[in-house]
Amino acid sequence: MELLLWIESVKVISRIKEGPTPKPPRGRHLTKAEKKRAAKAAVKSKKNAKK
């Protein structure tokens, strides 16, 4: 049981480090801020892919 809790806490910590994901669950409308963040992330990943 303790191991499961530890694994969950590690997942949460890694999620916090990664930051919020630009893709929200389907069916939810994106706010302007979220769209901007998603666009920036897409541009960044494109640039990284070219390297």
N, C-alpha and C. Protein backbone atom coordinates (compact mmCIF):
# COMPACT_ATOMS: atom_id res chain seq x y z
N MET A 1 0.83 -1.21 0.00
CA MET A 1 0.00 0.00 0.00
C MET A 1 0.87 1.26 0.00
N GLU A 2 1.89 1.26 0.83
CA GLU A 2 2.77 2.44 0.91
C GLU A 2 3.48 2.67 -0.42
N LEU A 3 3.82 1.57 -1.09
CA LEU A 3 4.50 1.69 -2.39
C LEU A 3 3.59 2.38 -3.39
N LEU A 4 2.32 2.00 -3.39
CA LEU A 4 1.35 2.63 -4.30
C LEU A 4 1.26 4.12 -4.05
N LEU A 5 1.20 4.50 -2.78
CA LEU A 5 1.13 5.92 -2.44
C LEU A 5 2.37 6.65 -2.92
N TRP A 6 3.52 5.99 -2.76
CA TRP A 6 4.79 6.59 -3.19
C TRP A 6 4.80 6.79 -4.70
N ILE A 7 4.33 5.78 -5.43
CA ILE A 7 4.28 5.87 -6.90
C ILE A 7 3.37 7.02 -7.31
N GLU A 8 2.21 7.11 -6.66
CA GLU A 8 1.27 8.19 -6.98
C GLU A 8 1.89 9.55 -6.73
N SER A 9 2.60 9.69 -5.60
CA SER A 9 3.20 10.98 -5.27
C SER A 9 4.30 11.33 -6.28
N VAL A 10 5.03 10.33 -6.75
CA VAL A 10 6.06 10.57 -7.77
C VAL A 10 5.40 11.06 -9.06
N LYS A 11 4.28 10.43 -9.42
CA LYS A 11 3.55 10.85 -10.63
C LYS A 11 3.11 12.29 -10.51
N VAL A 12 2.58 12.64 -9.35
CA VAL A 12 2.10 14.01 -9.12
C VAL A 12 3.26 14.99 -9.21
N ILE A 13 4.38 14.66 -8.59
CA ILE A 13 5.55 15.54 -8.61
C ILE A 13 6.04 15.74 -10.04
N SER A 14 6.12 14.64 -10.80
CA SER A 14 6.59 14.76 -12.19
C SER A 14 5.61 15.59 -13.01
N ARG A 15 4.32 15.45 -12.71
CA ARG A 15 3.31 16.23 -13.43
C ARG A 15 3.48 17.72 -13.11
N ILE A 16 3.78 18.02 -11.86
CA ILE A 16 3.98 19.42 -11.46
C ILE A 16 5.21 19.98 -12.17
N LYS A 17 6.28 19.19 -12.25
CA LYS A 17 7.51 19.63 -12.91
C LYS A 17 7.25 19.90 -14.39
N GLU A 18 6.47 19.04 -15.04
CA GLU A 18 6.18 19.19 -16.46
C GLU A 18 5.32 20.43 -16.71
N GLY A 19 4.54 20.78 -15.72
CA GLY A 19 3.62 21.90 -15.89
C GLY A 19 2.30 21.40 -16.47
N PRO A 20 1.32 22.29 -16.57
CA PRO A 20 0.02 21.86 -17.09
C PRO A 20 0.11 21.44 -18.55
N THR A 21 -0.61 20.41 -18.91
CA THR A 21 -0.58 19.96 -20.30
C THR A 21 -1.46 20.88 -21.14
N PRO A 22 -1.03 21.20 -22.35
CA PRO A 22 -1.83 22.10 -23.17
C PRO A 22 -3.14 21.48 -23.66
N LYS A 23 -3.23 20.14 -23.67
CA LYS A 23 -4.46 19.49 -24.14
C LYS A 23 -5.42 19.26 -22.98
N PRO A 24 -6.54 19.93 -22.95
CA PRO A 24 -7.55 19.65 -21.92
C PRO A 24 -8.39 18.45 -22.35
N PRO A 25 -9.21 17.90 -21.46
CA PRO A 25 -10.07 16.80 -21.87
C PRO A 25 -11.03 17.24 -22.98
N ARG A 26 -11.39 16.32 -23.85
CA ARG A 26 -12.27 16.66 -24.98
C ARG A 26 -13.61 17.19 -24.50
N GLY A 27 -14.22 18.03 -25.33
CA GLY A 27 -15.55 18.54 -25.02
C GLY A 27 -15.53 19.81 -24.20
N ARG A 28 -14.33 20.23 -23.78
CA ARG A 28 -14.24 21.47 -23.00
C ARG A 28 -13.74 22.57 -23.91
N HIS A 29 -14.33 23.73 -23.81
CA HIS A 29 -13.88 24.83 -24.64
C HIS A 29 -12.60 25.42 -24.06
N LEU A 30 -11.67 25.70 -24.94
CA LEU A 30 -10.40 26.29 -24.51
C LEU A 30 -10.59 27.78 -24.29
N THR A 31 -9.92 28.28 -23.27
CA THR A 31 -9.92 29.73 -23.08
C THR A 31 -8.83 30.30 -23.97
N LYS A 32 -8.85 31.60 -24.16
CA LYS A 32 -7.83 32.24 -25.01
C LYS A 32 -6.43 31.95 -24.49
N ALA A 33 -6.26 32.03 -23.18
CA ALA A 33 -4.95 31.80 -22.57
C ALA A 33 -4.47 30.37 -22.85
N GLU A 34 -5.39 29.42 -22.75
CA GLU A 34 -5.02 28.02 -22.99
C GLU A 34 -4.63 27.81 -24.45
N LYS A 35 -5.36 28.45 -25.36
CA LYS A 35 -5.04 28.33 -26.79
C LYS A 35 -3.64 28.88 -27.06
N LYS A 36 -3.34 30.03 -26.46
CA LYS A 36 -2.02 30.65 -26.64
C LYS A 36 -0.93 29.71 -26.14
N ARG A 37 -1.15 29.14 -24.96
CA ARG A 37 -0.15 28.25 -24.36
C ARG A 37 0.04 27.01 -25.24
N ALA A 38 -1.05 26.48 -25.76
CA ALA A 38 -0.98 25.30 -26.61
C ALA A 38 -0.22 25.63 -27.90
N ALA A 39 -0.48 26.80 -28.46
CA ALA A 39 0.20 27.22 -29.69
C ALA A 39 1.70 27.37 -29.45
N LYS A 40 2.05 27.99 -28.33
CA LYS A 40 3.47 28.17 -27.99
C LYS A 40 4.15 26.82 -27.83
N ALA A 41 3.48 25.89 -27.17
CA ALA A 41 4.04 24.57 -26.95
C ALA A 41 4.24 23.85 -28.29
N ALA A 42 3.30 24.02 -29.21
CA ALA A 42 3.40 23.38 -30.53
C ALA A 42 4.60 23.94 -31.29
N VAL A 43 4.78 25.25 -31.24
CA VAL A 43 5.90 25.89 -31.92
C VAL A 43 7.22 25.40 -31.32
N LYS A 44 7.26 25.32 -30.00
CA LYS A 44 8.47 24.86 -29.31
C LYS A 44 8.82 23.43 -29.73
N SER A 45 7.81 22.56 -29.75
CA SER A 45 8.08 21.16 -30.08
C SER A 45 8.52 21.03 -31.54
N LYS A 46 7.98 21.88 -32.42
CA LYS A 46 8.41 21.86 -33.83
C LYS A 46 9.88 22.24 -33.92
N LYS A 47 10.26 23.30 -33.21
CA LYS A 47 11.65 23.76 -33.23
C LYS A 47 12.58 22.67 -32.70
N ASN A 48 12.16 22.01 -31.63
CA ASN A 48 12.98 20.96 -31.03
C ASN A 48 13.11 19.77 -31.98
N ALA A 49 12.06 19.49 -32.74
CA ALA A 49 12.08 18.36 -33.66
C ALA A 49 13.08 18.61 -34.79
N LYS A 50 13.23 19.87 -35.18
CA LYS A 50 14.15 20.20 -36.28
C LYS A 50 15.61 20.01 -35.90
N LYS A 51 15.93 20.20 -34.62
CA LYS A 51 17.32 20.11 -34.16
C LYS A 51 17.92 18.74 -34.42
